[in-house]
C-alpha atoms as a PDB file:
ATOM      1  CA  MET A   1     270.810 139.391  47.339  1.00  0.00           C
ATOM      2  CA  SER A   2     270.242 140.180  43.891  1.00  0.00           C
ATOM      3  CA  ARG A   3     266.934 140.566  41.855  1.00  0.00           C
ATOM      4  CA  PRO A   4     265.751 138.802  39.052  1.00  0.00           C
ATOM      5  CA  LEU A   5     266.194 140.545  35.889  1.00  0.00           C
ATOM      6  CA  SER A   6     263.591 140.454  32.982  1.00  0.00           C
ATOM      7  CA  PRO A   7     264.694 142.301  29.920  1.00  0.00           C
ATOM      8  CA  PRO A   8     261.961 142.962  27.323  1.00  0.00           C
ATOM      9  CA  HIS A   9     262.734 141.379  24.043  1.00  0.00           C
ATOM     10  CA  SER A  10     266.027 139.914  25.045  1.00  0.00           C
ATOM     11  CA  GLU A  11     268.330 137.979  22.562  1.00  0.00           C
ATOM     12  CA  LEU A  12     269.615 136.000  25.866  1.00  0.00           C
ATOM     13  CA  ASN A  13     265.615 134.862  26.169  1.00  0.00           C
ATOM     14  CA  ARG A  14     265.772 133.453  22.653  1.00  0.00           C
ATOM     15  CA  LEU A  15     268.750 130.977  23.547  1.00  0.00           C
ATOM     16  CA  THR A  16     267.896 127.703  25.016  1.00  0.00           C
ATOM     17  CA  HIS A  17     271.148 127.159  26.954  1.00  0.00           C
ATOM     18  CA  ILE A  18     273.706 129.300  28.736  1.00  0.00           C
ATOM     19  CA  VAL A  19     276.700 128.167  30.437  1.00  0.00           C
ATOM     20  CA  ALA A  20     279.158 130.141  32.391  1.00  0.00           C
ATOM     21  CA  LEU A  21     282.502 128.941  33.567  1.00  0.00           C
ATOM     22  CA  GLY A  22     284.539 130.648  36.597  1.00  0.00           C
ATOM     23  CA  GLY A  23     284.685 130.810  40.360  1.00  0.00           C
ATOM     24  CA  GLY A  24     284.364 132.915  43.235  1.00  0.00           C
ATOM     25  CA  HIS A  25     282.671 136.399  43.277  1.00  0.00           C
ATOM     26  CA  GLY A  26     282.941 136.977  39.354  1.00  0.00           C
ATOM     27  CA  LEU A  27     280.935 133.680  38.328  1.00  0.00           C
ATOM     28  CA  GLY A  28     278.394 134.436  40.812  1.00  0.00           C
ATOM     29  CA  ARG A  29     277.996 137.942  39.503  1.00  0.00           C
ATOM     30  CA  VAL A  30     277.055 136.939  36.218  1.00  0.00           C
ATOM     31  CA  MET A  31     274.981 134.082  37.380  1.00  0.00           C
ATOM     32  CA  SER A  32     273.068 136.735  39.424  1.00  0.00           C
ATOM     33  CA  ALA A  33     272.905 138.807  36.204  1.00  0.00           C
ATOM     34  CA  LEU A  34     271.391 136.081  34.056  1.00  0.00           C
ATOM     35  CA  ASN A  35     269.345 134.786  37.245  1.00  0.00           C
ATOM     36  CA  PHE A  36     266.123 135.253  35.039  1.00  0.00           C
ATOM     37  CA  LEU A  37     266.751 132.346  32.553  1.00  0.00           C
ATOM     38  CA  GLY A  38     266.202 129.991  35.390  1.00  0.00           C
ATOM     39  CA  SER A  39     267.164 126.189  34.210  1.00  0.00           C
ATOM     40  CA  ARG A  40     268.551 127.442  30.913  1.00  0.00           C
ATOM     41  CA  LEU A  41     271.687 128.630  32.884  1.00  0.00           C
ATOM     42  CA  THR A  42     274.374 126.827  34.070  1.00  0.00           C
ATOM     43  CA  GLY A  43     277.507 127.502  35.853  1.00  0.00           C
ATOM     44  CA  ILE A  44     280.345 125.264  35.979  1.00  0.00           C
ATOM     45  CA  VAL A  45     282.594 126.042  39.055  1.00  0.00           C
ATOM     46  CA  THR A  46     286.117 126.168  39.887  1.00  0.00           C
ATOM     47  CA  THR A  47     286.800 123.592  42.833  1.00  0.00           C
ATOM     48  CA  THR A  48     290.566 124.212  43.418  1.00  0.00           C
ATOM     49  CA  ASP A  49     290.118 126.406  46.284  1.00  0.00           C
ATOM     50  CA  ASN A  50     292.561 125.944  49.257  1.00  0.00           C
ATOM     51  CA  GLY A  51     292.075 129.117  51.500  1.00  0.00           C
ATOM     52  CA  GLY A  52     290.112 130.532  53.863  1.00  0.00           C
ATOM     53  CA  SER A  53     287.168 128.558  55.566  1.00  0.00           C
ATOM     54  CA  THR A  54     287.289 126.039  52.431  1.00  0.00           C
ATOM     55  CA  GLY A  55     291.102 125.453  53.054  1.00  0.00           C
ATOM     56  CA  ARG A  56     290.599 124.639  56.793  1.00  0.00           C
ATOM     57  CA  ILE A  57     287.903 122.263  55.877  1.00  0.00           C
ATOM     58  CA  ARG A  58     289.942 120.564  53.168  1.00  0.00           C
ATOM     59  CA  SER A  59     293.341 120.403  55.483  1.00  0.00           C
ATOM     60  CA  GLN A  60     291.186 118.736  58.093  1.00  0.00           C
ATOM     61  CA  GLN A  61     288.365 116.677  56.098  1.00  0.00           C
ATOM     62  CA  GLY A  62     289.745 116.537  52.638  1.00  0.00           C
ATOM     63  CA  GLY A  63     287.151 116.416  49.788  1.00  0.00           C
ATOM     64  CA  ILE A  64     286.515 119.104  47.094  1.00  0.00           C
ATOM     65  CA  ALA A  65     286.482 123.071  47.442  1.00  0.00           C
ATOM     66  CA  TRP A  66     283.016 123.932  48.153  1.00  0.00           C
ATOM     67  CA  GLY A  67     283.396 127.783  48.568  1.00  0.00           C
ATOM     68  CA  ASP A  68     283.215 128.837  45.246  1.00  0.00           C
ATOM     69  CA  LEU A  69     279.925 126.622  45.073  1.00  0.00           C
ATOM     70  CA  ARG A  70     278.349 128.264  47.894  1.00  0.00           C
ATOM     71  CA  ASN A  71     279.173 131.717  46.692  1.00  0.00           C
ATOM     72  CA  CYS A  72     277.837 131.123  43.263  1.00  0.00           C
ATOM     73  CA  LEU A  73     274.548 129.707  45.142  1.00  0.00           C
ATOM     74  CA  ASN A  74     274.164 132.450  47.408  1.00  0.00           C
ATOM     75  CA  GLN A  75     274.616 134.956  44.445  1.00  0.00           C
ATOM     76  CA  ILE A  76     271.941 133.953  42.436  1.00  0.00           C
ATOM     77  CA  ILE A  77     269.044 133.730  45.229  1.00  0.00           C
ATOM     78  CA  THR A  78     266.551 135.923  44.408  1.00  0.00           C
ATOM     79  CA  GLN A  79     264.249 135.856  47.546  1.00  0.00           C
ATOM     80  CA  PRO A  80     266.114 135.986  50.843  1.00  0.00           C
ATOM     81  CA  SER A  81     264.816 133.685  53.342  1.00  0.00           C
ATOM     82  CA  THR A  82     265.669 131.909  56.635  1.00  0.00           C
ATOM     83  CA  ALA A  83     267.509 129.235  54.707  1.00  0.00           C
ATOM     84  CA  SER A  84     269.545 131.318  52.472  1.00  0.00           C
ATOM     85  CA  ALA A  85     270.545 133.596  55.702  1.00  0.00           C
ATOM     86  CA  LEU A  86     271.384 130.271  57.275  1.00  0.00           C
ATOM     87  CA  PHE A  87     273.390 129.003  54.256  1.00  0.00           C
ATOM     88  CA  GLU A  88     275.645 132.142  54.675  1.00  0.00           C
ATOM     89  CA  TYR A  89     275.792 132.345  58.123  1.00  0.00           C
ATOM     90  CA  ARG A  90     279.768 132.661  59.034  1.00  0.00           C
ATOM     91  CA  PHE A  91     280.609 132.070  62.666  1.00  0.00           C
ATOM     92  CA  GLU A  92     282.643 134.869  65.060  1.00  0.00           C
ATOM     93  CA  GLY A  93     284.528 134.768  67.773  1.00  0.00           C
ATOM     94  CA  GLU A  94     287.130 132.587  68.417  1.00  0.00           C
ATOM     95  CA  GLY A  95     287.661 128.579  68.415  1.00  0.00           C
ATOM     96  CA  GLU A  96     287.230 125.935  65.706  1.00  0.00           C
ATOM     97  CA  LEU A  97     284.272 127.280  64.278  1.00  0.00           C
ATOM     98  CA  ALA A  98     285.328 130.695  63.995  1.00  0.00           C
ATOM     99  CA  GLY A  99     285.653 132.052  60.264  1.00  0.00           C
ATOM    100  CA  HIS A 100     283.827 128.982  59.109  1.00  0.00           C
ATOM    101  CA  ASN A 101     280.975 129.434  56.630  1.00  0.00           C
ATOM    102  CA  LEU A 102     277.841 127.432  57.649  1.00  0.00           C
ATOM    103  CA  GLY A 103     276.836 126.790  54.010  1.00  0.00           C
ATOM    104  CA  ASN A 104     280.423 125.088  53.504  1.00  0.00           C
ATOM    105  CA  LEU A 105     280.057 122.917  56.287  1.00  0.00           C
ATOM    106  CA  MET A 106     276.507 121.859  55.338  1.00  0.00           C
ATOM    107  CA  LEU A 107     278.009 121.093  51.893  1.00  0.00           C
ATOM    108  CA  LYS A 108     280.689 119.156  53.651  1.00  0.00           C
ATOM    109  CA  ALA A 109     278.621 117.200  55.625  1.00  0.00           C
ATOM    110  CA  LEU A 110     276.321 116.151  52.427  1.00  0.00           C
ATOM    111  CA  GLU A 111     279.876 114.975  51.257  1.00  0.00           C
ATOM    112  CA  ASN A 112     280.954 112.709  54.212  1.00  0.00           C
ATOM    113  CA  MET A 113     277.199 110.899  53.729  1.00  0.00           C
ATOM    114  CA  GLN A 114     278.510 109.820  50.958  1.00  0.00           C
ATOM    115  CA  ILE A 115     276.300 112.094  48.892  1.00  0.00           C
ATOM    116  CA  ARG A 116     277.351 112.971  45.322  1.00  0.00           C
ATOM    117  CA  PRO A 117     278.681 116.382  45.327  1.00  0.00           C
ATOM    118  CA  THR A 118     276.469 117.304  42.621  1.00  0.00           C
ATOM    119  CA  ASP A 119     273.325 115.473  44.041  1.00  0.00           C
ATOM    120  CA  ALA A 120     274.416 117.790  47.379  1.00  0.00           C
ATOM    121  CA  VAL A 121     274.321 121.099  45.375  1.00  0.00           C
ATOM    122  CA  ASN A 122     271.038 120.261  43.979  1.00  0.00           C
ATOM    123  CA  LEU A 123     269.595 119.546  47.155  1.00  0.00           C
ATOM    124  CA  ILE A 124     270.690 123.011  48.431  1.00  0.00           C
ATOM    125  CA  ARG A 125     269.656 124.431  45.082  1.00  0.00           C
ATOM    126  CA  GLU A 126     265.887 123.038  46.081  1.00  0.00           C
ATOM    127  CA  LEU A 127     266.004 124.616  49.898  1.00  0.00           C
ATOM    128  CA  LEU A 128     267.081 127.744  48.684  1.00  0.00           C
ATOM    129  CA  LYS A 129     264.416 127.666  45.451  1.00  0.00           C
ATOM    130  CA  VAL A 130     267.327 128.196  43.154  1.00  0.00           C
ATOM    131  CA  GLU A 131     266.566 127.315  39.444  1.00  0.00           C
ATOM    132  CA  SER A 132     269.637 127.753  37.487  1.00  0.00           C
ATOM    133  CA  PHE A 133     272.282 124.705  37.540  1.00  0.00           C
ATOM    134  CA  ILE A 134     275.496 125.203  39.559  1.00  0.00           C
ATOM    135  CA  ILE A 135     277.610 122.022  38.701  1.00  0.00           C
ATOM    136  CA  PRO A 136     281.367 121.510  40.057  1.00  0.00           C
ATOM    137  CA  MET A 137     284.014 121.479  37.510  1.00  0.00           C
ATOM    138  CA  SER A 138     285.315 117.951  39.371  1.00  0.00           C
ATOM    139  CA  GLU A 139     283.757 115.710  41.932  1.00  0.00           C
ATOM    140  CA  LYS A 140     287.288 114.652  42.874  1.00  0.00           C
ATOM    141  CA  PRO A 141     289.333 116.543  45.327  1.00  0.00           C
ATOM    142  CA  VAL A 142     291.969 118.634  43.096  1.00  0.00           C
ATOM    143  CA  HIS A 143     294.590 121.274  43.823  1.00  0.00           C
ATOM    144  CA  LEU A 144     295.766 124.180  41.470  1.00  0.00           C
ATOM    145  CA  ALA A 145     299.520 123.836  40.571  1.00  0.00           C
ATOM    146  CA  ALA A 146     302.064 125.885  38.366  1.00  0.00           C
ATOM    147  CA  TYR A 147     305.338 124.968  36.538  1.00  0.00           C
ATOM    148  CA  LEU A 148     307.906 127.919  36.996  1.00  0.00           C
ATOM    149  CA  ALA A 149     310.888 129.310  34.568  1.00  0.00           C
ATOM    150  CA  SER A 150     313.189 127.893  36.884  1.00  0.00           C
ATOM    151  CA  GLY A 151     311.838 124.395  36.540  1.00  0.00           C
ATOM    152  CA  LYS A 152     310.362 124.023  40.024  1.00  0.00           C
ATOM    153  CA  SER A 153     306.619 123.450  40.621  1.00  0.00           C
ATOM    154  CA  LEU A 154     303.943 124.856  42.932  1.00  0.00           C
ATOM    155  CA  VAL A 155     300.939 123.587  44.619  1.00  0.00           C
ATOM    156  CA  GLY A 156     297.851 124.978  45.955  1.00  0.00           C
ATOM    157  CA  GLU A 157     295.964 128.263  44.829  1.00  0.00           C
ATOM    158  CA  VAL A 158     297.220 130.345  48.078  1.00  0.00           C
ATOM    159  CA  SER A 159     300.744 129.723  47.081  1.00  0.00           C
ATOM    160  CA  ILE A 160     300.361 130.554  43.469  1.00  0.00           C
ATOM    161  CA  ASP A 161     298.477 133.926  44.509  1.00  0.00           C
ATOM    162  CA  GLU A 162     301.629 134.933  46.396  1.00  0.00           C
ATOM    163  CA  LEU A 163     303.828 134.289  43.312  1.00  0.00           C
ATOM    164  CA  THR A 164     305.888 137.403  42.122  1.00  0.00           C
ATOM    165  CA  GLU A 165     306.010 135.710  38.324  1.00  0.00           C
ATOM    166  CA  VAL A 166     303.662 134.424  35.927  1.00  0.00           C
ATOM    167  CA  PRO A 167     303.762 130.517  35.967  1.00  0.00           C
ATOM    168  CA  GLN A 168     304.841 129.164  32.573  1.00  0.00           C
ATOM    169  CA  MET A 169     302.440 126.299  33.028  1.00  0.00           C
ATOM    170  CA  MET A 170     299.217 125.520  35.269  1.00  0.00           C
ATOM    171  CA  PHE A 171     297.965 122.143  35.684  1.00  0.00           C
ATOM    172  CA  VAL A 172     295.731 120.404  38.380  1.00  0.00           C
ATOM    173  CA  LEU A 173     297.019 117.810  40.805  1.00  0.00           C
ATOM    174  CA  PRO A 174     296.023 115.226  40.462  1.00  0.00           C
ATOM    175  CA  LEU A 175     294.252 115.000  37.083  1.00  0.00           C
ATOM    176  CA  VAL A 176     290.991 114.279  37.659  1.00  0.00           C
ATOM    177  CA  PRO A 177     287.765 113.703  35.496  1.00  0.00           C
ATOM    178  CA  ALA A 178     285.545 116.451  34.737  1.00  0.00           C
ATOM    179  CA  THR A 179     281.844 116.196  36.080  1.00  0.00           C
ATOM    180  CA  PRO A 180     279.749 114.657  33.164  1.00  0.00           C
ATOM    181  CA  GLU A 181     276.711 117.124  33.764  1.00  0.00           C
ATOM    182  CA  ALA A 182     279.427 119.683  33.278  1.00  0.00           C
ATOM    183  CA  ILE A 183     280.334 118.490  29.720  1.00  0.00           C
ATOM    184  CA  LYS A 184     276.553 117.482  28.730  1.00  0.00           C
ATOM    185  CA  ALA A 185     276.144 121.213  29.212  1.00  0.00           C
ATOM    186  CA  ILE A 186     278.834 122.584  27.463  1.00  0.00           C
ATOM    187  CA  GLN A 187     277.797 120.675  24.413  1.00  0.00           C
ATOM    188  CA  LYS A 188     274.185 121.861  24.171  1.00  0.00           C
ATOM    189  CA  ALA A 189     275.056 125.172  25.104  1.00  0.00           C
ATOM    190  CA  ASP A 190     273.983 128.227  22.515  1.00  0.00           C
ATOM    191  CA  LEU A 191     276.133 130.570  24.300  1.00  0.00           C
ATOM    192  CA  ILE A 192     279.206 130.260  27.066  1.00  0.00           C
ATOM    193  CA  LEU A 193     280.624 132.891  29.047  1.00  0.00           C
ATOM    194  CA  ILE A 194     283.964 133.062  30.371  1.00  0.00           C
ATOM    195  CA  GLY A 195     284.709 135.177  33.494  1.00  0.00           C
ATOM    196  CA  PRO A 196     285.332 137.812  34.931  1.00  0.00           C
ATOM    197  CA  GLY A 197     287.497 136.761  38.282  1.00  0.00           C
ATOM    198  CA  SER A 198     290.788 135.716  39.448  1.00  0.00           C
ATOM    199  CA  PHE A 199     292.450 134.561  35.915  1.00  0.00           C
ATOM    200  CA  LEU A 200     294.991 131.651  37.008  1.00  0.00           C
ATOM    201  CA  THR A 201     293.058 130.750  40.110  1.00  0.00           C
ATOM    202  CA  SER A 202     289.115 131.240  39.391  1.00  0.00           C
ATOM    203  CA  ILE A 203     288.901 131.244  35.519  1.00  0.00           C
ATOM    204  CA  LEU A 204     291.689 129.122  34.146  1.00  0.00           C
ATOM    205  CA  PRO A 205     291.283 125.636  36.560  1.00  0.00           C
ATOM    206  CA  PRO A 206     288.248 124.197  34.561  1.00  0.00           C
ATOM    207  CA  PHE A 207     290.226 124.432  31.136  1.00  0.00           C
ATOM    208  CA  LEU A 208     293.194 122.505  32.781  1.00  0.00           C
ATOM    209  CA  LEU A 209     290.867 119.391  32.501  1.00  0.00           C
ATOM    210  CA  PRO A 210     291.290 118.096  29.058  1.00  0.00           C
ATOM    211  CA  GLU A 211     287.475 117.191  28.786  1.00  0.00           C
ATOM    212  CA  ILE A 212     286.380 120.387  29.421  1.00  0.00           C
ATOM    213  CA  SER A 213     288.915 121.876  27.140  1.00  0.00           C
ATOM    214  CA  ARG A 214     287.614 119.550  24.420  1.00  0.00           C
ATOM    215  CA  ALA A 215     284.145 120.466  24.782  1.00  0.00           C
ATOM    216  CA  ILE A 216     284.879 123.726  24.508  1.00  0.00           C
ATOM    217  CA  ALA A 217     287.188 123.653  21.409  1.00  0.00           C
ATOM    218  CA  ASP A 218     284.309 121.412  20.001  1.00  0.00           C
ATOM    219  CA  SER A 219     281.540 123.393  20.656  1.00  0.00           C
ATOM    220  CA  SER A 220     279.715 125.579  17.561  1.00  0.00           C
ATOM    221  CA  ALA A 221     278.177 128.035  20.797  1.00  0.00           C
ATOM    222  CA  LEU A 222     279.159 131.603  20.750  1.00  0.00           C
ATOM    223  CA  LYS A 223     282.200 132.048  23.298  1.00  0.00           C
ATOM    224  CA  ILE A 224     282.439 135.473  25.070  1.00  0.00           C
ATOM    225  CA  PHE A 225     285.449 136.359  27.551  1.00  0.00           C
ATOM    226  CA  ILE A 226     284.245 138.875  30.008  1.00  0.00           C
ATOM    227  CA  ASP A 227     286.800 141.177  31.444  1.00  0.00           C
ATOM    228  CA  ASN A 228     287.619 142.307  35.224  1.00  0.00           C
ATOM    229  CA  LEU A 229     286.859 145.719  35.719  1.00  0.00           C
ATOM    230  CA  GLY A 230     289.406 146.057  38.779  1.00  0.00           C
ATOM    231  CA  VAL A 231     293.457 145.284  38.736  1.00  0.00           C
ATOM    232  CA  GLU A 232     294.302 141.783  39.397  1.00  0.00           C
ATOM    233  CA  GLN A 233     296.164 140.703  42.466  1.00  0.00           C
ATOM    234  CA  GLY A 234     299.044 138.263  42.049  1.00  0.00           C
ATOM    235  CA  PRO A 235     301.046 137.140  39.293  1.00  0.00           C
ATOM    236  CA  ALA A 236     297.921 137.764  37.061  1.00  0.00           C
ATOM    237  CA  ALA A 237     298.209 141.395  37.522  1.00  0.00           C
ATOM    238  CA  GLN A 238     301.018 141.012  34.886  1.00  0.00           C
ATOM    239  CA  LEU A 239     298.942 139.894  32.183  1.00  0.00           C
ATOM    240  CA  SER A 240     297.063 142.396  29.660  1.00  0.00           C
ATOM    241  CA  LEU A 241     293.986 141.125  28.161  1.00  0.00           C
ATOM    242  CA  LYS A 242     295.893 140.044  25.243  1.00  0.00           C
ATOM    243  CA  ASP A 243     297.848 138.189  27.429  1.00  0.00           C
ATOM    244  CA  ARG A 244     295.323 136.352  29.117  1.00  0.00           C
ATOM    245  CA  ILE A 245     293.458 135.483  25.850  1.00  0.00           C
ATOM    246  CA  ASN A 246     296.522 134.024  24.460  1.00  0.00           C
ATOM    247  CA  TYR A 247     297.200 132.025  27.774  1.00  0.00           C
ATOM    248  CA  LEU A 248     294.027 130.551  27.842  1.00  0.00           C
ATOM    249  CA  HIS A 249     294.171 129.613  24.175  1.00  0.00           C
ATOM    250  CA  HIS A 250     297.377 127.862  24.831  1.00  0.00           C
ATOM    251  CA  HIS A 251     295.933 125.762  27.562  1.00  0.00           C
ATOM    252  CA  ILE A 252     292.987 124.766  25.551  1.00  0.00           C
ATOM    253  CA  GLY A 253     294.858 124.386  22.428  1.00  0.00           C
ATOM    254  CA  SER A 254     292.968 126.200  20.076  1.00  0.00           C
ATOM    255  CA  LYS A 255     291.577 129.939  19.739  1.00  0.00           C
ATOM    256  CA  VAL A 256     287.626 129.802  21.241  1.00  0.00           C
ATOM    257  CA  ILE A 257     287.014 133.181  22.458  1.00  0.00           C
ATOM    258  CA  ASP A 258     284.719 135.013  19.534  1.00  0.00           C
ATOM    259  CA  ALA A 259     283.933 138.133  21.426  1.00  0.00           C
ATOM    260  CA  VAL A 260     285.462 140.006  24.795  1.00  0.00           C
ATOM    261  CA  ILE A 261     283.291 142.632  26.748  1.00  0.00           C
ATOM    262  CA  THR A 262     285.353 144.970  28.597  1.00  0.00           C
ATOM    263  CA  GLU A 263     285.304 148.635  29.596  1.00  0.00           C
ATOM    264  CA  SER A 264     288.941 149.499  28.424  1.00  0.00           C
ATOM    265  CA  GLN A 265     289.852 150.026  24.556  1.00  0.00           C
ATOM    266  CA  PHE A 266     291.904 146.905  23.057  1.00  0.00           C
ATOM    267  CA  ASP A 267     292.662 145.501  19.953  1.00  0.00           C
ATOM    268  CA  LEU A 268     292.880 141.967  19.951  1.00  0.00           C
ATOM    269  CA  GLU A 269     293.462 139.748  17.007  1.00  0.00           C
ATOM    270  CA  ASP A 270     290.985 136.971  16.186  1.00  0.00           C
ATOM    271  CA  SER A 271     288.057 138.091  18.946  1.00  0.00           C
ATOM    272  CA  LEU A 272     285.861 141.130  18.316  1.00  0.00           C
ATOM    273  CA  ILE A 273     285.886 143.799  21.205  1.00  0.00           C
ATOM    274  CA  PHE A 274     282.783 145.307  22.570  1.00  0.00           C
ATOM    275  CA  THR A 275     283.544 148.228  24.840  1.00  0.00           C
ATOM    276  CA  LYS A 276     280.885 148.686  27.314  1.00  0.00           C
ATOM    277  CA  LYS A 277     279.960 150.662  30.839  1.00  0.00           C
ATOM    278  CA  LEU A 278     280.101 147.763  33.425  1.00  0.00           C
ATOM    279  CA  LYS A 279     280.835 149.105  37.021  1.00  0.00           C
ATOM    280  CA  ALA A 280     278.352 149.126  39.633  1.00  0.00           C
ATOM    281  CA  ASP A 281     277.999 152.534  41.355  1.00  0.00           C
ATOM    282  CA  ASP A 282     278.311 151.219  45.224  1.00  0.00           C
ATOM    283  CA  VAL A 283     281.506 149.129  44.173  1.00  0.00           C
ATOM    284  CA  SER A 284     283.838 150.171  41.065  1.00  0.00           C
ATOM    285  CA  TYR A 285     285.649 146.801  40.830  1.00  0.00           C
ATOM    286  CA  ARG A 286     282.235 144.721  40.689  1.00  0.00           C
ATOM    287  CA  HIS A 287     280.053 144.352  37.695  1.00  0.00           C
ATOM    288  CA  ASP A 288     276.361 145.775  37.674  1.00  0.00           C
ATOM    289  CA  ARG A 289     273.962 143.217  37.125  1.00  0.00           C
ATOM    290  CA  GLN A 290     271.902 145.156  34.694  1.00  0.00           C
ATOM    291  CA  LEU A 291     274.895 146.768  32.792  1.00  0.00           C
ATOM    292  CA  LEU A 292     276.249 143.508  32.467  1.00  0.00           C
ATOM    293  CA  CYS A 293     273.213 141.385  31.632  1.00  0.00           C
ATOM    294  CA  ALA A 294     272.342 144.537  28.778  1.00  0.00           C
ATOM    295  CA  ALA A 295     276.189 144.421  27.422  1.00  0.00           C
ATOM    296  CA  ILE A 296     275.749 140.440  26.677  1.00  0.00           C
ATOM    297  CA  ASP A 297     272.590 141.169  25.246  1.00  0.00           C
ATOM    298  CA  ASP A 298     273.941 144.059  23.036  1.00  0.00           C
ATOM    299  CA  VAL A 299     276.887 141.428  21.780  1.00  0.00           C
ATOM    300  CA  LEU A 300     274.407 138.824  20.858  1.00  0.00           C
ATOM    301  CA  LYS A 301     272.223 141.522  18.869  1.00  0.00           C
ATOM    302  CA  THR A 302     274.999 142.846  17.133  1.00  0.00           C
ATOM    303  CA  LEU A 303     276.564 139.140  16.323  1.00  0.00           C
ATOM    304  CA  SER A 304     273.417 138.413  14.857  1.00  0.00           C
ATOM    305  CA  ARG A 305     273.232 140.784  12.152  1.00  0.00           C
ATOM    306  CA  PRO A 306     273.959 139.412   8.829  1.00  0.00           C
ATOM    307  CA  ASP A 307     277.258 141.325   8.350  1.00  0.00           C
ATOM    308  CA  PHE A 308     278.620 140.040  11.473  1.00  0.00           C
ATOM    309  CA  LEU A 309     277.559 136.182  10.543  1.00  0.00           C
ATOM    310  CA  GLU A 310     280.202 135.970   8.287  1.00  0.00           C
ATOM    311  CA  ILE A 311     282.940 136.855  10.720  1.00  0.00           C
ATOM    312  CA  LEU A 312     281.990 134.225  13.385  1.00  0.00           C
END
């Protein structure tokens, strides 16, 4: 579990609303790094997963993908409790329950009770004493899909991860509406954070919803892309940082990224590059929470200088 961070005189603390987009472990890491912001922080979470416990639940019961939402909730918990341990409990052994995460089942049960997904997440937030907001990108069941160079299409995150080529175009099936709270959060954001995470299957999906892409494009907030530390698996491994930014801009329809935080040296047109130490000491492909928070804060300090204001 993460501990709350309280950086003194933080530029982040001057902001009124920060939005982070993505899924899986990457967004959870960002949310836990910034959990000191409390209710000023909102995570907009990808809901296209069809693997693992989430995939089994979806194939048998239908509904949205709960796994990334549960992951983010778990990572942002600051005070471990019996409730948080219960929420993250995973069944072992054999049989139908083996491998299932109890948190996924709890959220699915609330969905089956006709409770709106965003309200279901808020109920769990209250149970776990999580102040920051977690919002699904859509409250409707949706799958990730891809067009290939051959003209064929492919549906499902798991299948896309197994590709040996980068899809020419990504889309969601069916085309679902974005969650209204997600759009409102983007519209009032001072800062929008994108990544880290699996580019095609965690970062990109929210931007495949036209309402979210439009809201991001129209927003005057500073937009920062946080680069991965480890090498991507699947087709995204073939994309350089520049390729990923261009791929994202292509799907959004405009250039929106103002700055990039990375550990590597890159020259990227139209975006400012900030090279920072980010690796955690224990797991080299995970972002250290303190270092990530400090890196975001340093970027804000730099970009608030008068000589940078004219660039943005």
